[in-house]
Amino acid sequence: MDPRIREHAEVLVDWSAQVSAGDNVIVQLDEGSIPLGIAVAECLGEREANMVVTFNSDELSRAYLHSFPSLDFTDDPEHALALFEEADVFLRLRGGSNTSGMADVPMDKRQAISRARQKVREATYDTDWVSTIHPTPSLAQQASMATEEYRAFAYRAMIRDWESLAGEMDRLKTRIDKGDEVRIITDNTDISMRIEGRTAVNSAASVAYDSHNLPSGEVFTAPYATEGEVVFDVPMTLYGSPVRDVHLTFEGGEVVDVDAAEGLATIEGILETDDGARRLGELGIGMNRDIDRYTNNILFDEKMGDTFHLALGRAYDACLPEGEIGNESAVHVDMIADMSEDATLSIDDEVVYREGSFVWETGFSAN
């Protein structure tokens, strides 16, 4: 076994999920992530956790959705809900054989099953859940890299000094937590959003930081009252379809106009999912500079240094005051924009980031 697979598993189990003896752990595998699953199983056995393994496949999901004769899916089947309600930890090990395996599933069926499985989805969020990837040839191909090149890139982003990065990201979290408004200006974006009363998450790839992705390396919060225009110039694949240069206009906190160079129908379908899909659930600032190139994989790309991303849909509870309900939706769809050049990020009219540098970094220009 490649020793990096074992290192990856150890980071996932110990740093990210903080698994303890006796924890009930669900491990969900894709067909390509079995090598990582074996290493994770070894780690869980050594730590005396209780493991249940489930299998995920886009081919199986596609077959099910295509053959289902209507949009009337059963709401939250009890057997699925019970599994997650009894779990302490959920580890999602991604790595399918075809990154576009669901591309021809009609949007109305995607929306219908997403709405029908909302309680199951919420039950997963109540666990110490972590999502990661095993670097497969299909993901390398999606990133336009050779397989070994991609593996080196992926492991560099995942097997790193997370405590050091957490300390750096805490500087931005502190500023956001004290702020009332964020404004981002680039050559094609001018957007502002309220953050008063919200908490930022220092997403350092560990549930101890309310962080649930490996790799991670972002600071995010749940904005509201969004105004202005934004262009997402980092291309991506959403629901198996390519999307490029999405242009959203916000008024009164909601999307009132949308355009895209590619994938407009996909974005319009997302916006029609429910009322919450037209409002933001997340503002995230990418700070993992070991992720230094676009890979067409949101798990990596939204953490890329010198980028920001906004998510349409559901807001995460970790960003909200206790007892407050944020934006609710059956979707949470991230889109990314570059801010390495000709860009500023301001909090309450104070510039904290300009053209590739934060205010505490050498090279930051005050004007």
Protein backbone atom coordinates (compact mmCIF):
# COMPACT_ATOMS: atom_id res chain seq x y z
CA MET A 1 0.00 0.00 0.00
CA ASP A 2 1.18 3.51 -0.82
CA PRO A 3 2.21 4.87 2.62
CA ARG A 4 0.42 8.13 1.85
CA ILE A 5 -2.90 6.25 1.93
CA ARG A 6 -2.24 5.21 5.52
CA GLU A 7 -1.19 8.76 6.43
CA HIS A 8 -4.37 10.09 4.84
CA ALA A 9 -6.46 7.61 6.85
CA GLU A 10 -4.76 8.58 10.09
CA VAL A 11 -5.34 12.30 9.48
CA LEU A 12 -8.99 11.55 8.67
CA VAL A 13 -9.67 9.35 11.71
CA ASP A 14 -7.58 11.16 14.34
CA TRP A 15 -7.37 14.84 13.35
CA SER A 16 -10.51 15.27 11.24
CA ALA A 17 -13.13 13.00 12.83
CA GLN A 18 -11.54 12.66 16.31
CA VAL A 19 -12.74 9.04 16.55
CA SER A 20 -12.73 7.47 20.02
CA ALA A 21 -13.13 3.90 21.29
CA GLY A 22 -16.76 2.81 21.18
CA ASP A 23 -17.87 5.38 18.58
CA ASN A 24 -20.44 4.16 16.05
CA VAL A 25 -18.88 4.98 12.68
CA ILE A 26 -20.48 4.78 9.22
CA VAL A 27 -17.95 4.57 6.37
CA GLN A 28 -19.42 5.25 2.93
CA LEU A 29 -17.29 4.07 0.02
CA ASP A 30 -17.32 4.86 -3.68
CA GLU A 31 -16.15 2.11 -6.01
CA GLY A 32 -12.77 3.80 -6.44
CA SER A 33 -12.08 4.57 -2.78
CA ILE A 34 -11.67 1.02 -1.48
CA PRO A 35 -7.86 1.35 -0.89
CA LEU A 36 -8.51 4.29 1.41
CA GLY A 37 -11.42 2.40 2.97
CA ILE A 38 -9.09 -0.48 3.88
CA ALA A 39 -6.66 1.90 5.59
CA VAL A 40 -9.53 3.63 7.41
CA ALA A 41 -10.89 0.26 8.56
CA GLU A 42 -7.49 -0.62 10.01
CA CYS A 43 -7.38 2.68 11.90
CA LEU A 44 -10.91 2.23 13.22
CA GLY A 45 -10.11 -1.28 14.38
CA GLU A 46 -6.99 -0.11 16.19
CA ARG A 47 -9.05 2.55 17.95
CA GLU A 48 -11.80 0.04 18.87
CA ALA A 49 -14.58 1.91 17.09
CA ASN A 50 -17.74 0.21 15.76
CA MET A 51 -17.79 0.27 11.95
CA VAL A 52 -20.63 -0.08 9.44
CA VAL A 53 -19.77 0.20 5.73
CA THR A 54 -22.15 1.46 3.03
CA PHE A 55 -21.58 1.78 -0.70
CA ASN A 56 -22.24 4.74 -2.97
CA SER A 57 -22.24 4.65 -6.76
CA ASP A 58 -23.36 7.22 -9.30
CA GLU A 59 -24.20 4.33 -11.64
CA LEU A 60 -26.55 2.81 -9.06
CA SER A 61 -28.12 6.18 -8.27
CA ARG A 62 -28.54 6.94 -11.96
CA ALA A 63 -30.22 3.57 -12.58
CA TYR A 64 -32.59 4.11 -9.66
CA LEU A 65 -33.58 7.64 -10.63
CA HIS A 66 -34.01 6.86 -14.33
CA SER A 67 -36.22 3.86 -13.59
CA PHE A 68 -38.38 5.52 -10.91
CA PRO A 69 -41.66 6.23 -12.70
CA SER A 70 -42.58 9.52 -10.99
CA LEU A 71 -41.29 12.34 -8.79
CA ASP A 72 -43.17 10.99 -5.77
CA PHE A 73 -40.23 9.67 -3.73
CA THR A 74 -40.94 8.40 -0.22
CA ASP A 75 -39.96 11.03 2.33
CA ASP A 76 -36.98 9.97 4.44
CA PRO A 77 -37.23 6.15 4.55
CA GLU A 78 -37.09 5.03 8.19
CA HIS A 79 -34.28 2.52 7.67
CA ALA A 80 -31.99 5.21 6.23
CA LEU A 81 -32.92 7.71 8.92
CA ALA A 82 -32.36 5.18 11.71
CA LEU A 83 -28.85 4.36 10.51
CA PHE A 84 -27.66 7.95 10.82
CA GLU A 85 -29.60 8.69 13.99
CA GLU A 86 -27.59 5.96 15.76
CA ALA A 87 -24.22 7.06 14.34
CA ASP A 88 -21.58 9.16 16.07
CA VAL A 89 -19.31 9.60 13.04
CA PHE A 90 -19.92 9.53 9.29
CA LEU A 91 -16.90 9.25 6.98
CA ARG A 92 -17.64 9.87 3.30
CA LEU A 93 -14.81 8.51 1.12
CA ARG A 94 -15.32 9.80 -2.40
CA GLY A 95 -13.68 8.40 -5.51
CA GLY A 96 -16.01 7.24 -8.28
CA SER A 97 -15.09 5.84 -11.67
CA ASN A 98 -16.88 8.56 -13.66
CA THR A 99 -17.14 12.11 -12.37
CA SER A 100 -20.04 12.76 -14.79
CA GLY A 101 -21.93 9.59 -13.95
CA MET A 102 -25.13 11.48 -13.11
CA ALA A 103 -24.99 13.98 -15.96
CA ASP A 104 -28.12 12.75 -17.78
CA VAL A 105 -30.40 12.49 -14.73
CA PRO A 106 -33.21 15.04 -15.19
CA MET A 107 -33.03 18.05 -12.90
CA ASP A 108 -36.61 17.60 -11.67
CA LYS A 109 -35.75 14.15 -10.33
CA ARG A 110 -32.60 15.46 -8.63
CA GLN A 111 -34.65 18.18 -6.99
CA ALA A 112 -37.44 15.82 -5.94
CA ILE A 113 -35.21 13.26 -4.24
CA SER A 114 -33.15 16.01 -2.62
CA ARG A 115 -36.32 17.41 -1.03
CA ALA A 116 -37.53 13.94 -0.03
CA ARG A 117 -34.27 13.08 1.72
CA GLN A 118 -33.91 16.31 3.69
CA LYS A 119 -34.31 14.72 7.16
CA VAL A 120 -31.76 12.03 6.30
CA ARG A 121 -29.37 14.75 5.16
CA GLU A 122 -29.94 16.69 8.38
CA ALA A 123 -29.27 13.52 10.40
CA THR A 124 -25.86 13.17 8.74
CA TYR A 125 -25.09 16.77 9.73
CA ASP A 126 -25.86 15.85 13.36
CA THR A 127 -22.95 13.39 13.34
CA ASP A 128 -19.23 14.21 13.39
CA TRP A 129 -19.16 13.90 9.63
CA VAL A 130 -16.14 14.31 7.36
CA SER A 131 -15.95 14.09 3.57
CA THR A 132 -12.69 13.33 1.76
CA ILE A 133 -11.47 11.85 -1.53
CA HIS A 134 -9.21 9.04 -2.61
CA PRO A 135 -7.22 10.39 -5.58
CA THR A 136 -8.45 8.21 -8.43
CA PRO A 137 -7.61 8.31 -12.16
CA SER A 138 -11.08 9.75 -12.87
CA LEU A 139 -10.42 12.69 -10.55
CA ALA A 140 -6.98 13.16 -12.10
CA GLN A 141 -8.57 13.22 -15.54
CA GLN A 142 -11.18 15.74 -14.36
CA ALA A 143 -8.33 17.92 -13.11
CA SER A 144 -6.42 17.53 -16.41
CA MET A 145 -3.46 15.97 -14.58
CA ALA A 146 -1.49 12.77 -14.87
CA THR A 147 -2.58 10.31 -12.19
CA GLU A 148 0.62 10.43 -10.13
CA GLU A 149 0.82 14.20 -10.53
CA TYR A 150 -2.69 14.45 -9.12
CA ARG A 151 -1.94 12.09 -6.24
CA ALA A 152 1.06 14.21 -5.23
CA PHE A 153 -1.08 17.35 -5.41
CA ALA A 154 -3.97 15.82 -3.42
CA TYR A 155 -1.83 14.37 -0.65
CA ARG A 156 0.10 17.64 -0.32
CA ALA A 157 -3.22 19.41 0.30
CA MET A 158 -4.50 16.80 2.79
CA ILE A 159 -1.42 15.61 4.70
CA ARG A 160 -0.04 18.86 6.10
CA ASP A 161 0.45 20.88 9.29
CA TRP A 162 -3.18 21.65 10.04
CA GLU A 163 -2.50 23.29 13.41
CA SER A 164 -0.27 25.90 11.80
CA LEU A 165 -2.86 26.73 9.13
CA ALA A 166 -5.58 26.88 11.80
CA GLY A 167 -3.60 29.55 13.63
CA GLU A 168 -3.28 31.67 10.49
CA MET A 169 -6.95 31.32 9.57
CA ASP A 170 -7.97 32.34 13.08
CA ARG A 171 -6.74 35.87 12.24
CA LEU A 172 -9.42 36.17 9.56
CA LYS A 173 -12.08 34.48 11.68
CA THR A 174 -11.49 37.03 14.45
CA ARG A 175 -12.00 39.93 12.05
CA ILE A 176 -15.15 38.44 10.53
CA ASP A 177 -16.65 37.68 13.95
CA LYS A 178 -16.29 41.34 14.93
CA GLY A 179 -17.65 42.67 11.64
CA ASP A 180 -21.06 43.75 10.40
CA GLU A 181 -20.58 43.81 6.63
CA VAL A 182 -18.28 42.28 4.01
CA ARG A 183 -17.69 43.80 0.58
CA ILE A 184 -15.74 42.16 -2.25
CA ILE A 185 -14.67 44.10 -5.32
CA THR A 186 -12.89 42.67 -8.36
CA ASP A 187 -12.80 43.78 -11.99
CA ASN A 188 -16.20 42.12 -12.57
CA THR A 189 -17.72 41.89 -9.08
CA ASP A 190 -19.02 44.34 -6.52
CA ILE A 191 -21.03 42.58 -3.83
CA SER A 192 -21.80 43.30 -0.20
CA MET A 193 -23.46 41.16 2.48
CA ARG A 194 -24.31 41.44 6.14
CA ILE A 195 -22.50 39.24 8.68
CA GLU A 196 -23.58 40.94 11.91
CA GLY A 197 -24.45 38.37 14.57
CA ARG A 198 -22.95 35.49 12.61
CA THR A 199 -19.96 33.35 13.55
CA ALA A 200 -17.14 32.42 11.19
CA VAL A 201 -15.83 28.85 11.09
CA ASN A 202 -12.08 28.28 11.05
CA SER A 203 -12.30 25.30 8.73
CA ALA A 204 -9.12 23.45 9.62
CA ALA A 205 -10.23 19.98 8.49
CA SER A 206 -11.40 18.86 11.95
CA VAL A 207 -14.75 18.55 13.68
CA ALA A 208 -13.03 20.25 16.63
CA TYR A 209 -13.22 23.40 14.47
CA ASP A 210 -16.73 22.67 13.12
CA SER A 211 -14.92 21.71 9.91
CA HIS A 212 -16.05 18.70 7.90
CA ASN A 213 -13.93 18.44 4.74
CA LEU A 214 -10.48 16.97 4.15
CA PRO A 215 -8.78 18.81 2.57
CA SER A 216 -9.98 22.07 4.03
CA GLY A 217 -8.44 25.47 4.54
CA GLU A 218 -11.12 28.13 4.42
CA VAL A 219 -12.88 30.56 6.72
CA PHE A 220 -16.62 30.69 6.12
CA THR A 221 -19.75 32.26 7.55
CA ALA A 222 -23.45 32.61 6.76
CA PRO A 223 -24.16 36.01 5.16
CA TYR A 224 -27.51 37.66 4.56
CA ALA A 225 -29.00 40.82 3.01
CA THR A 226 -26.82 40.41 -0.08
CA GLU A 227 -26.68 43.24 -2.62
CA GLY A 228 -24.78 43.66 -5.87
CA GLU A 229 -23.29 41.57 -8.66
CA VAL A 230 -20.80 38.72 -8.70
CA VAL A 231 -19.11 36.72 -11.47
CA PHE A 232 -17.78 33.26 -10.65
CA ASP A 233 -14.86 32.91 -13.04
CA VAL A 234 -13.47 29.59 -11.80
CA PRO A 235 -15.09 26.90 -13.99
CA MET A 236 -16.74 23.94 -12.31
CA THR A 237 -18.96 20.93 -12.84
CA LEU A 238 -22.36 21.00 -11.12
CA TYR A 239 -24.67 17.98 -11.21
CA GLY A 240 -22.43 16.48 -13.86
CA SER A 241 -22.68 19.48 -16.20
CA PRO A 242 -19.96 22.08 -16.97
CA VAL A 243 -20.66 25.58 -15.67
CA ARG A 244 -18.60 28.68 -16.50
CA ASP A 245 -18.68 32.43 -15.79
CA VAL A 246 -21.90 32.49 -13.79
CA HIS A 247 -23.16 36.07 -13.26
CA LEU A 248 -25.62 36.60 -10.40
CA THR A 249 -27.36 39.84 -9.45
CA PHE A 250 -28.73 40.21 -5.91
CA GLU A 251 -31.38 42.60 -4.67
CA GLY A 252 -32.96 42.42 -1.24
CA GLY A 253 -30.91 39.35 -0.42
CA GLU A 254 -32.16 37.26 -3.36
CA VAL A 255 -30.97 36.42 -6.87
CA VAL A 256 -33.00 38.54 -9.28
CA ASP A 257 -31.01 37.89 -12.46
CA VAL A 258 -28.70 35.13 -13.68
CA ASP A 259 -26.52 34.56 -16.71
CA ALA A 260 -23.69 32.17 -17.57
CA ALA A 261 -21.31 31.54 -20.44
CA GLU A 262 -22.03 27.83 -20.04
CA GLY A 263 -24.46 25.85 -17.90
CA LEU A 264 -27.20 28.46 -17.56
CA ALA A 265 -29.96 25.82 -17.47
CA THR A 266 -28.19 24.03 -14.61
CA ILE A 267 -27.98 27.22 -12.53
CA GLU A 268 -31.61 28.09 -13.29
CA GLY A 269 -32.65 24.61 -12.18
CA ILE A 270 -30.77 25.01 -8.90
CA LEU A 271 -32.45 28.38 -8.26
CA GLU A 272 -35.87 26.79 -8.78
CA THR A 273 -35.33 24.06 -6.16
CA ASP A 274 -37.03 26.06 -3.39
CA ASP A 275 -37.25 29.61 -2.03
CA GLY A 276 -33.97 29.27 -0.09
CA ALA A 277 -32.02 28.39 -3.24
CA ARG A 278 -32.18 32.05 -4.33
CA ARG A 279 -30.42 33.26 -1.16
CA LEU A 280 -26.89 32.75 0.09
CA GLY A 281 -26.03 30.18 2.71
CA GLU A 282 -22.27 30.71 2.77
CA LEU A 283 -19.41 33.09 2.13
CA GLY A 284 -16.06 31.30 2.18
CA ILE A 285 -12.49 32.57 1.79
CA GLY A 286 -9.98 30.00 0.47
CA MET A 287 -6.68 29.96 2.41
CA ASN A 288 -5.04 26.60 1.60
CA ARG A 289 -2.19 27.65 -0.68
CA ASP A 290 -1.12 24.03 -1.14
CA ILE A 291 -4.19 23.99 -3.38
CA ASP A 292 -2.68 26.19 -6.04
CA ARG A 293 -4.57 25.21 -9.16
CA TYR A 294 -8.07 24.53 -10.36
CA THR A 295 -9.08 20.84 -10.35
CA ASN A 296 -12.79 20.92 -11.24
CA ASN A 297 -13.54 19.42 -7.81
CA ILE A 298 -15.32 21.67 -5.33
CA LEU A 299 -13.83 19.83 -2.34
CA PHE A 300 -10.42 21.22 -3.35
CA ASP A 301 -11.24 24.27 -5.42
CA GLU A 302 -13.26 26.16 -2.80
CA LYS A 303 -10.25 25.99 -0.44
CA MET A 304 -7.81 27.29 -3.06
CA GLY A 305 -5.72 30.17 -1.83
CA ASP A 306 -6.66 33.66 -3.09
CA THR A 307 -10.25 32.77 -3.97
CA PHE A 308 -13.66 33.32 -2.45
CA HIS A 309 -16.83 31.31 -2.90
CA LEU A 310 -20.50 31.84 -2.29
CA ALA A 311 -23.04 29.06 -1.81
CA LEU A 312 -26.66 29.25 -2.83
CA GLY A 313 -28.96 27.49 -0.40
CA ARG A 314 -28.62 26.03 3.05
CA ALA A 315 -26.68 27.85 5.79
CA TYR A 316 -24.67 25.84 8.31
CA ASP A 317 -25.84 25.95 11.93
CA ALA A 318 -22.26 26.46 13.16
CA CYS A 319 -22.39 30.01 11.78
CA LEU A 320 -25.66 30.96 13.49
CA PRO A 321 -26.55 32.14 16.99
CA GLU A 322 -28.00 29.37 19.16
CA GLY A 323 -31.67 28.92 18.42
CA GLU A 324 -31.60 30.96 15.21
CA ILE A 325 -32.61 29.37 11.91
CA GLY A 326 -30.61 30.55 8.93
CA ASN A 327 -31.36 30.16 5.25
CA GLU A 328 -33.09 26.82 4.66
CA SER A 329 -32.92 24.90 1.40
CA ALA A 330 -32.57 21.40 0.01
CA VAL A 331 -29.41 22.53 -1.81
CA HIS A 332 -26.03 23.99 -0.92
CA VAL A 333 -24.21 24.84 -4.15
CA ASP A 334 -20.80 26.55 -4.05
CA MET A 335 -19.41 28.72 -6.84
CA ILE A 336 -15.89 30.17 -6.88
CA ALA A 337 -14.19 33.38 -7.99
CA ASP A 338 -10.53 34.36 -8.24
CA MET A 339 -9.33 37.37 -6.23
CA SER A 340 -5.57 37.07 -6.70
CA GLU A 341 -5.42 40.22 -8.85
CA ASP A 342 -7.33 43.53 -8.94
CA ALA A 343 -9.38 42.54 -5.90
CA THR A 344 -10.13 43.72 -2.38
CA LEU A 345 -12.04 42.19 0.50
CA SER A 346 -13.20 44.68 3.12
CA ILE A 347 -14.86 44.24 6.50
CA ASP A 348 -16.70 47.35 7.70
CA ASP A 349 -14.83 49.43 5.09
CA GLU A 350 -11.40 48.20 6.27
CA VAL A 351 -9.45 46.36 3.56
CA VAL A 352 -8.20 43.07 5.03
CA TYR A 353 -7.16 41.44 1.74
CA ARG A 354 -5.75 42.95 -1.42
CA GLU A 355 -4.44 41.22 -4.57
CA GLY A 356 -2.98 38.09 -3.02
CA SER A 357 -2.11 39.22 0.52
CA PHE A 358 -3.92 39.52 3.84
CA VAL A 359 -3.33 42.54 6.05
CA TRP A 360 -1.08 40.55 8.42
CA GLU A 361 1.12 39.16 5.61
CA THR A 362 4.38 40.57 4.28
CA GLY A 363 3.65 42.25 0.97
CA PHE A 364 0.24 43.62 1.87
CA SER A 365 -0.31 47.04 0.33
CA ALA A 366 -2.43 49.50 2.30
CA ASN A 367 -3.64 51.18 -0.91
